[in-house]
Amino acid sequence: MNRSTKQGAPDYHITSAQSQKGNRSVPRHRRSAAEIERENQTMAFKAGLFLGFGIAALAFAIILWAWVIPTMDNAVSIAQGMVA
């Protein structure tokens, strides 16, 4: 029985990573006014897009509920009357 060998593969990544020391502080990414404005415009566009889709879906549901469903109910009753 060989007692000098370890089980598993050697881990070379940990030993190489320990030789490099990291920075004590992480520098902050400074954004310019143009980047902030572009981000604000992107967020406003997305909010407007979602709001527009929501309003369109609501209008579609109202039209469906108020006009299409009663019309189809009437058409189905007429068709049932013709068959019977």
PDB file of N, CA and C in Angstrom:
ATOM      1  N   MET A   1       0.838  -1.177   0.000  1.00  0.00           N
ATOM      2  CA  MET A   1       0.000   0.000   0.000  1.00  0.00           C
ATOM      3  C   MET A   1       0.881   1.238   0.000  1.00  0.00           C
ATOM      4  N   ASN A   2       0.644   2.105  -0.945  1.00  0.00           N
ATOM      5  CA  ASN A   2       1.453   3.302  -1.098  1.00  0.00           C
ATOM      6  C   ASN A   2       0.792   4.460  -0.369  1.00  0.00           C
ATOM      7  N   ARG A   3       1.441   4.965   0.673  1.00  0.00           N
ATOM      8  CA  ARG A   3       0.855   6.037   1.479  1.00  0.00           C
ATOM      9  C   ARG A   3       1.277   7.427   1.018  1.00  0.00           C
ATOM     10  N   SER A   4       2.183   7.558   0.101  1.00  0.00           N
ATOM     11  CA  SER A   4       2.692   8.876  -0.290  1.00  0.00           C
ATOM     12  C   SER A   4       1.846   9.552  -1.373  1.00  0.00           C
ATOM     13  N   THR A   5       0.940   8.848  -2.018  1.00  0.00           N
ATOM     14  CA  THR A   5       0.124   9.461  -3.064  1.00  0.00           C
ATOM     15  C   THR A   5      -1.232   9.869  -2.501  1.00  0.00           C
ATOM     16  N   LYS A   6      -1.796  10.941  -3.067  1.00  0.00           N
ATOM     17  CA  LYS A   6      -3.115  11.429  -2.652  1.00  0.00           C
ATOM     18  C   LYS A   6      -4.165  10.937  -3.640  1.00  0.00           C
ATOM     19  N   GLN A   7      -5.355  10.842  -3.164  1.00  0.00           N
ATOM     20  CA  GLN A   7      -6.460  10.453  -4.030  1.00  0.00           C
ATOM     21  C   GLN A   7      -6.888  11.656  -4.874  1.00  0.00           C
ATOM     22  N   GLY A   8      -7.215  11.436  -6.152  1.00  0.00           N
ATOM     23  CA  GLY A   8      -7.710  12.498  -7.013  1.00  0.00           C
ATOM     24  C   GLY A   8      -6.598  13.144  -7.815  1.00  0.00           C
ATOM     25  N   ALA A   9      -7.013  14.047  -8.667  1.00  0.00           N
ATOM     26  CA  ALA A   9      -6.068  14.735  -9.547  1.00  0.00           C
ATOM     27  C   ALA A   9      -5.481  15.948  -8.847  1.00  0.00           C
ATOM     28  N   PRO A  10      -4.249  16.327  -9.209  1.00  0.00           N
ATOM     29  CA  PRO A  10      -3.667  17.525  -8.604  1.00  0.00           C
ATOM     30  C   PRO A  10      -4.415  18.772  -9.056  1.00  0.00           C
ATOM     31  N   ASP A  11      -4.490  19.779  -8.181  1.00  0.00           N
ATOM     32  CA  ASP A  11      -5.238  21.003  -8.458  1.00  0.00           C
ATOM     33  C   ASP A  11      -4.246  22.129  -8.720  1.00  0.00           C
ATOM     34  N   TYR A  12      -3.896  22.332  -9.974  1.00  0.00           N
ATOM     35  CA  TYR A  12      -2.914  23.350 -10.330  1.00  0.00           C
ATOM     36  C   TYR A  12      -3.515  24.750 -10.368  1.00  0.00           C
ATOM     37  N   HIS A  13      -4.816  24.869 -10.510  1.00  0.00           N
ATOM     38  CA  HIS A  13      -5.434  26.188 -10.629  1.00  0.00           C
ATOM     39  C   HIS A  13      -5.352  26.967  -9.329  1.00  0.00           C
ATOM     40  N   ILE A  14      -5.532  26.312  -8.223  1.00  0.00           N
ATOM     41  CA  ILE A  14      -5.491  27.001  -6.941  1.00  0.00           C
ATOM     42  C   ILE A  14      -4.085  27.498  -6.648  1.00  0.00           C
ATOM     43  N   THR A  15      -3.081  26.698  -6.927  1.00  0.00           N
ATOM     44  CA  THR A  15      -1.711  27.122  -6.617  1.00  0.00           C
ATOM     45  C   THR A  15      -1.285  28.287  -7.507  1.00  0.00           C
ATOM     46  N   SER A  16      -1.719  28.325  -8.761  1.00  0.00           N
ATOM     47  CA  SER A  16      -1.324  29.443  -9.619  1.00  0.00           C
ATOM     48  C   SER A  16      -2.114  30.700  -9.270  1.00  0.00           C
ATOM     49  N   ALA A  17      -3.348  30.537  -8.822  1.00  0.00           N
ATOM     50  CA  ALA A  17      -4.157  31.705  -8.489  1.00  0.00           C
ATOM     51  C   ALA A  17      -3.696  32.333  -7.185  1.00  0.00           C
ATOM     52  N   GLN A  18      -3.123  31.574  -6.299  1.00  0.00           N
ATOM     53  CA  GLN A  18      -2.682  32.124  -5.021  1.00  0.00           C
ATOM     54  C   GLN A  18      -1.425  32.968  -5.174  1.00  0.00           C
ATOM     55  N   SER A  19      -0.710  32.795  -6.252  1.00  0.00           N
ATOM     56  CA  SER A  19       0.512  33.582  -6.415  1.00  0.00           C
ATOM     57  C   SER A  19       0.221  34.991  -6.916  1.00  0.00           C
ATOM     58  N   GLN A  20      -0.989  35.254  -7.422  1.00  0.00           N
ATOM     59  CA  GLN A  20      -1.350  36.581  -7.904  1.00  0.00           C
ATOM     60  C   GLN A  20      -2.299  37.228  -6.910  1.00  0.00           C
ATOM     61  N   LYS A  21      -1.894  38.375  -6.404  1.00  0.00           N
ATOM     62  CA  LYS A  21      -2.730  39.073  -5.438  1.00  0.00           C
ATOM     63  C   LYS A  21      -3.667  40.030  -6.168  1.00  0.00           C
ATOM     64  N   GLY A  22      -4.885  40.141  -5.663  1.00  0.00           N
ATOM     65  CA  GLY A  22      -5.868  41.033  -6.255  1.00  0.00           C
ATOM     66  C   GLY A  22      -5.729  42.439  -5.721  1.00  0.00           C
ATOM     67  N   ASN A  23      -6.452  43.363  -6.338  1.00  0.00           N
ATOM     68  CA  ASN A  23      -6.463  44.753  -5.884  1.00  0.00           C
ATOM     69  C   ASN A  23      -7.207  44.848  -4.559  1.00  0.00           C
ATOM     70  N   ARG A  24      -6.816  45.823  -3.749  1.00  0.00           N
ATOM     71  CA  ARG A  24      -7.483  46.020  -2.472  1.00  0.00           C
ATOM     72  C   ARG A  24      -8.858  46.652  -2.658  1.00  0.00           C
ATOM     73  N   SER A  25      -9.024  47.438  -3.693  1.00  0.00           N
ATOM     74  CA  SER A  25     -10.326  48.056  -3.960  1.00  0.00           C
ATOM     75  C   SER A  25     -10.659  47.901  -5.437  1.00  0.00           C
ATOM     76  N   VAL A  26     -11.926  47.847  -5.727  1.00  0.00           N
ATOM     77  CA  VAL A  26     -12.387  47.709  -7.099  1.00  0.00           C
ATOM     78  C   VAL A  26     -12.799  49.093  -7.594  1.00  0.00           C
ATOM     79  N   PRO A  27     -12.233  49.550  -8.704  1.00  0.00           N
ATOM     80  CA  PRO A  27     -12.598  50.884  -9.182  1.00  0.00           C
ATOM     81  C   PRO A  27     -14.032  50.907  -9.699  1.00  0.00           C
ATOM     82  N   ARG A  28     -14.722  52.015  -9.463  1.00  0.00           N
ATOM     83  CA  ARG A  28     -16.099  52.166  -9.928  1.00  0.00           C
ATOM     84  C   ARG A  28     -16.099  52.575 -11.388  1.00  0.00           C
ATOM     85  N   HIS A  29     -17.072  52.068 -12.095  1.00  0.00           N
ATOM     86  CA  HIS A  29     -17.234  52.441 -13.503  1.00  0.00           C
ATOM     87  C   HIS A  29     -17.993  53.760 -13.547  1.00  0.00           C
ATOM     88  N   ARG A  30     -17.365  54.781 -14.059  1.00  0.00           N
ATOM     89  CA  ARG A  30     -18.017  56.082 -14.131  1.00  0.00           C
ATOM     90  C   ARG A  30     -18.720  56.217 -15.460  1.00  0.00           C
ATOM     91  N   ARG A  31     -19.978  56.576 -15.382  1.00  0.00           N
ATOM     92  CA  ARG A  31     -20.766  56.706 -16.599  1.00  0.00           C
ATOM     93  C   ARG A  31     -20.901  58.174 -16.962  1.00  0.00           C
ATOM     94  N   SER A  32     -20.884  58.425 -18.241  1.00  0.00           N
ATOM     95  CA  SER A  32     -21.032  59.801 -18.701  1.00  0.00           C
ATOM     96  C   SER A  32     -22.511  60.159 -18.742  1.00  0.00           C
ATOM     97  N   ALA A  33     -22.792  61.440 -18.948  1.00  0.00           N
ATOM     98  CA  ALA A  33     -24.171  61.907 -19.015  1.00  0.00           C
ATOM     99  C   ALA A  33     -24.888  61.308 -20.220  1.00  0.00           C
ATOM    100  N   ALA A  34     -24.161  61.091 -21.301  1.00  0.00           N
ATOM    101  CA  ALA A  34     -24.773  60.503 -22.498  1.00  0.00           C
ATOM    102  C   ALA A  34     -25.193  59.057 -22.237  1.00  0.00           C
ATOM    103  N   GLU A  35     -24.379  58.305 -21.504  1.00  0.00           N
ATOM    104  CA  GLU A  35     -24.740  56.921 -21.179  1.00  0.00           C
ATOM    105  C   GLU A  35     -25.958  56.872 -20.269  1.00  0.00           C
ATOM    106  N   ILE A  36     -26.017  57.768 -19.298  1.00  0.00           N
ATOM    107  CA  ILE A  36     -27.165  57.817 -18.389  1.00  0.00           C
ATOM    108  C   ILE A  36     -28.425  58.187 -19.162  1.00  0.00           C
ATOM    109  N   GLU A  37     -28.324  59.163 -20.061  1.00  0.00           N
ATOM    110  CA  GLU A  37     -29.475  59.570 -20.868  1.00  0.00           C
ATOM    111  C   GLU A  37     -29.933  58.429 -21.787  1.00  0.00           C
ATOM    112  N   ARG A  38     -28.994  57.705 -22.380  1.00  0.00           N
ATOM    113  CA  ARG A  38     -29.336  56.579 -23.240  1.00  0.00           C
ATOM    114  C   ARG A  38     -30.044  55.490 -22.436  1.00  0.00           C
ATOM    115  N   GLU A  39     -29.568  55.230 -21.218  1.00  0.00           N
ATOM    116  CA  GLU A  39     -30.211  54.239 -20.368  1.00  0.00           C
ATOM    117  C   GLU A  39     -31.621  54.678 -19.990  1.00  0.00           C
ATOM    118  N   ASN A  40     -31.803  55.962 -19.680  1.00  0.00           N
ATOM    119  CA  ASN A  40     -33.129  56.474 -19.346  1.00  0.00           C
ATOM    120  C   ASN A  40     -34.077  56.359 -20.542  1.00  0.00           C
ATOM    121  N   GLN A  41     -33.572  56.661 -21.740  1.00  0.00           N
ATOM    122  CA  GLN A  41     -34.414  56.558 -22.929  1.00  0.00           C
ATOM    123  C   GLN A  41     -34.780  55.096 -23.209  1.00  0.00           C
ATOM    124  N   THR A  42     -33.857  54.191 -22.988  1.00  0.00           N
ATOM    125  CA  THR A  42     -34.138  52.773 -23.194  1.00  0.00           C
ATOM    126  C   THR A  42     -35.212  52.296 -22.221  1.00  0.00           C
ATOM    127  N   MET A  43     -35.100  52.681 -20.955  1.00  0.00           N
ATOM    128  CA  MET A  43     -36.098  52.286 -19.972  1.00  0.00           C
ATOM    129  C   MET A  43     -37.457  52.899 -20.291  1.00  0.00           C
ATOM    130  N   ALA A  44     -37.478  54.159 -20.743  1.00  0.00           N
ATOM    131  CA  ALA A  44     -38.738  54.810 -21.102  1.00  0.00           C
ATOM    132  C   ALA A  44     -39.363  54.136 -22.321  1.00  0.00           C
ATOM    133  N   PHE A  45     -38.543  53.732 -23.292  1.00  0.00           N
ATOM    134  CA  PHE A  45     -39.064  53.041 -24.465  1.00  0.00           C
ATOM    135  C   PHE A  45     -39.688  51.707 -24.087  1.00  0.00           C
ATOM    136  N   LYS A  46     -39.000  50.949 -23.218  1.00  0.00           N
ATOM    137  CA  LYS A  46     -39.533  49.653 -22.789  1.00  0.00           C
ATOM    138  C   LYS A  46     -40.836  49.833 -22.019  1.00  0.00           C
ATOM    139  N   ALA A  47     -40.887  50.843 -21.144  1.00  0.00           N
ATOM    140  CA  ALA A  47     -42.116  51.096 -20.383  1.00  0.00           C
ATOM    141  C   ALA A  47     -43.251  51.484 -21.323  1.00  0.00           C
ATOM    142  N   GLY A  48     -42.972  52.326 -22.303  1.00  0.00           N
ATOM    143  CA  GLY A  48     -43.988  52.715 -23.272  1.00  0.00           C
ATOM    144  C   GLY A  48     -44.450  51.551 -24.124  1.00  0.00           C
ATOM    145  N   LEU A  49     -43.522  50.682 -24.487  1.00  0.00           N
ATOM    146  CA  LEU A  49     -43.866  49.507 -25.285  1.00  0.00           C
ATOM    147  C   LEU A  49     -44.801  48.581 -24.506  1.00  0.00           C
ATOM    148  N   PHE A  50     -44.467  48.307 -23.238  1.00  0.00           N
ATOM    149  CA  PHE A  50     -45.317  47.448 -22.414  1.00  0.00           C
ATOM    150  C   PHE A  50     -46.680  48.102 -22.164  1.00  0.00           C
ATOM    151  N   LEU A  51     -46.686  49.411 -21.944  1.00  0.00           N
ATOM    152  CA  LEU A  51     -47.940  50.117 -21.723  1.00  0.00           C
ATOM    153  C   LEU A  51     -48.808  50.074 -22.982  1.00  0.00           C
ATOM    154  N   GLY A  52     -48.191  50.252 -24.142  1.00  0.00           N
ATOM    155  CA  GLY A  52     -48.927  50.191 -25.399  1.00  0.00           C
ATOM    156  C   GLY A  52     -49.519  48.826 -25.652  1.00  0.00           C
ATOM    157  N   PHE A  53     -48.738  47.773 -25.421  1.00  0.00           N
ATOM    158  CA  PHE A  53     -49.261  46.420 -25.587  1.00  0.00           C
ATOM    159  C   PHE A  53     -50.386  46.137 -24.595  1.00  0.00           C
ATOM    160  N   GLY A  54     -50.251  46.652 -23.378  1.00  0.00           N
ATOM    161  CA  GLY A  54     -51.300  46.453 -22.371  1.00  0.00           C
ATOM    162  C   GLY A  54     -52.595  47.142 -22.758  1.00  0.00           C
ATOM    163  N   ILE A  55     -52.497  48.376 -23.242  1.00  0.00           N
ATOM    164  CA  ILE A  55     -53.688  49.108 -23.658  1.00  0.00           C
ATOM    165  C   ILE A  55     -54.323  48.444 -24.876  1.00  0.00           C
ATOM    166  N   ALA A  56     -53.503  47.985 -25.823  1.00  0.00           N
ATOM    167  CA  ALA A  56     -54.040  47.294 -27.003  1.00  0.00           C
ATOM    168  C   ALA A  56     -54.741  45.993 -26.608  1.00  0.00           C
ATOM    169  N   ALA A  57     -54.168  45.249 -25.671  1.00  0.00           N
ATOM    170  CA  ALA A  57     -54.794  44.005 -25.214  1.00  0.00           C
ATOM    171  C   ALA A  57     -56.108  44.294 -24.498  1.00  0.00           C
ATOM    172  N   LEU A  58     -56.141  45.360 -23.712  1.00  0.00           N
ATOM    173  CA  LEU A  58     -57.370  45.738 -23.019  1.00  0.00           C
ATOM    174  C   LEU A  58     -58.445  46.152 -24.019  1.00  0.00           C
ATOM    175  N   ALA A  59     -58.074  46.934 -25.028  1.00  0.00           N
ATOM    176  CA  ALA A  59     -59.037  47.336 -26.053  1.00  0.00           C
ATOM    177  C   ALA A  59     -59.550  46.113 -26.813  1.00  0.00           C
ATOM    178  N   PHE A  60     -58.680  45.183 -27.132  1.00  0.00           N
ATOM    179  CA  PHE A  60     -59.093  43.961 -27.816  1.00  0.00           C
ATOM    180  C   PHE A  60     -60.068  43.160 -26.964  1.00  0.00           C
ATOM    181  N   ALA A  61     -59.799  43.060 -25.665  1.00  0.00           N
ATOM    182  CA  ALA A  61     -60.680  42.310 -24.778  1.00  0.00           C
ATOM    183  C   ALA A  61     -62.051  42.978 -24.675  1.00  0.00           C
ATOM    184  N   ILE A  62     -62.084  44.304 -24.617  1.00  0.00           N
ATOM    185  CA  ILE A  62     -63.367  45.019 -24.537  1.00  0.00           C
ATOM    186  C   ILE A  62     -64.164  44.815 -25.817  1.00  0.00           C
ATOM    187  N   ILE A  63     -63.510  44.923 -26.976  1.00  0.00           N
ATOM    188  CA  ILE A  63     -64.200  44.705 -28.246  1.00  0.00           C
ATOM    189  C   ILE A  63     -64.703  43.269 -28.337  1.00  0.00           C
ATOM    190  N   LEU A  64     -63.898  42.328 -27.914  1.00  0.00           N
ATOM    191  CA  LEU A  64     -64.296  40.925 -27.941  1.00  0.00           C
ATOM    192  C   LEU A  64     -65.508  40.688 -27.048  1.00  0.00           C
ATOM    193  N   TRP A  65     -65.487  41.255 -25.858  1.00  0.00           N
ATOM    194  CA  TRP A  65     -66.558  41.037 -24.893  1.00  0.00           C
ATOM    195  C   TRP A  65     -67.842  41.760 -25.307  1.00  0.00           C
ATOM    196  N   ALA A  66     -67.720  42.958 -25.861  1.00  0.00           N
ATOM    197  CA  ALA A  66     -68.900  43.767 -26.147  1.00  0.00           C
ATOM    198  C   ALA A  66     -69.511  43.502 -27.518  1.00  0.00           C
ATOM    199  N   TRP A  67     -68.745  43.050 -28.496  1.00  0.00           N
ATOM    200  CA  TRP A  67     -69.275  42.952 -29.852  1.00  0.00           C
ATOM    201  C   TRP A  67     -69.176  41.542 -30.440  1.00  0.00           C
ATOM    202  N   VAL A  68     -68.019  40.927 -30.359  1.00  0.00           N
ATOM    203  CA  VAL A  68     -67.807  39.650 -31.035  1.00  0.00           C
ATOM    204  C   VAL A  68     -68.566  38.525 -30.348  1.00  0.00           C
ATOM    205  N   ILE A  69     -68.506  38.428 -29.040  1.00  0.00           N
ATOM    206  CA  ILE A  69     -69.155  37.321 -28.331  1.00  0.00           C
ATOM    207  C   ILE A  69     -70.677  37.368 -28.488  1.00  0.00           C
ATOM    208  N   PRO A  70     -71.342  38.531 -28.303  1.00  0.00           N
ATOM    209  CA  PRO A  70     -72.789  38.541 -28.547  1.00  0.00           C
ATOM    210  C   PRO A  70     -73.154  38.225 -29.996  1.00  0.00           C
ATOM    211  N   THR A  71     -72.360  38.689 -30.949  1.00  0.00           N
ATOM    212  CA  THR A  71     -72.630  38.393 -32.352  1.00  0.00           C
ATOM    213  C   THR A  71     -72.513  36.895 -32.617  1.00  0.00           C
ATOM    214  N   MET A  72     -71.488  36.268 -32.074  1.00  0.00           N
ATOM    215  CA  MET A  72     -71.314  34.830 -32.272  1.00  0.00           C
ATOM    216  C   MET A  72     -72.420  34.038 -31.573  1.00  0.00           C
ATOM    217  N   ASP A  73     -72.845  34.485 -30.385  1.00  0.00           N
ATOM    218  CA  ASP A  73     -73.948  33.805 -29.705  1.00  0.00           C
ATOM    219  C   ASP A  73     -75.210  33.869 -30.552  1.00  0.00           C
ATOM    220  N   ASN A  74     -75.464  35.030 -31.149  1.00  0.00           N
ATOM    221  CA  ASN A  74     -76.624  35.193 -32.020  1.00  0.00           C
ATOM    222  C   ASN A  74     -76.502  34.301 -33.254  1.00  0.00           C
ATOM    223  N   ALA A  75     -75.326  34.238 -33.845  1.00  0.00           N
ATOM    224  CA  ALA A  75     -75.121  33.396 -35.033  1.00  0.00           C
ATOM    225  C   ALA A  75     -75.294  31.919 -34.687  1.00  0.00           C
ATOM    226  N   VAL A  76     -74.830  31.501 -33.516  1.00  0.00           N
ATOM    227  CA  VAL A  76     -74.980  30.103 -33.116  1.00  0.00           C
ATOM    228  C   VAL A  76     -76.452  29.778 -32.894  1.00  0.00           C
ATOM    229  N   SER A  77     -77.197  30.694 -32.263  1.00  0.00           N
ATOM    230  CA  SER A  77     -78.628  30.427 -32.049  1.00  0.00           C
ATOM    231  C   SER A  77     -79.381  30.375 -33.375  1.00  0.00           C
ATOM    232  N   ILE A  78     -79.035  31.223 -34.347  1.00  0.00           N
ATOM    233  CA  ILE A  78     -79.657  31.166 -35.678  1.00  0.00           C
ATOM    234  C   ILE A  78     -79.335  29.844 -36.358  1.00  0.00           C
ATOM    235  N   ALA A  79     -78.076  29.403 -36.284  1.00  0.00           N
ATOM    236  CA  ALA A  79     -77.684  28.141 -36.910  1.00  0.00           C
ATOM    237  C   ALA A  79     -78.383  26.968 -36.249  1.00  0.00           C
ATOM    238  N   GLN A  80     -78.551  26.988 -34.937  1.00  0.00           N
ATOM    239  CA  GLN A  80     -79.259  25.910 -34.251  1.00  0.00           C
ATOM    240  C   GLN A  80     -80.736  25.898 -34.640  1.00  0.00           C
ATOM    241  N   GLY A  81     -81.306  27.080 -34.856  1.00  0.00           N
ATOM    242  CA  GLY A  81     -82.699  27.167 -35.294  1.00  0.00           C
ATOM    243  C   GLY A  81     -82.883  26.623 -36.698  1.00  0.00           C
ATOM    244  N   MET A  82     -81.917  26.813 -37.563  1.00  0.00           N
ATOM    245  CA  MET A  82     -82.010  26.312 -38.938  1.00  0.00           C
ATOM    246  C   MET A  82     -81.875  24.790 -38.978  1.00  0.00           C
ATOM    247  N   VAL A  83     -81.064  24.217 -38.093  1.00  0.00           N
ATOM    248  CA  VAL A  83     -80.823  22.784 -38.089  1.00  0.00           C
ATOM    249  C   VAL A  83     -82.022  22.050 -37.488  1.00  0.00           C
ATOM    250  N   ALA A  84     -82.586  22.596 -36.443  1.00  0.00           N
ATOM    251  CA  ALA A  84     -83.682  21.899 -35.754  1.00  0.00           C
ATOM    252  C   ALA A  84     -84.984  21.982 -36.474  1.00  0.00           C
TER     253      ALA A  84
END
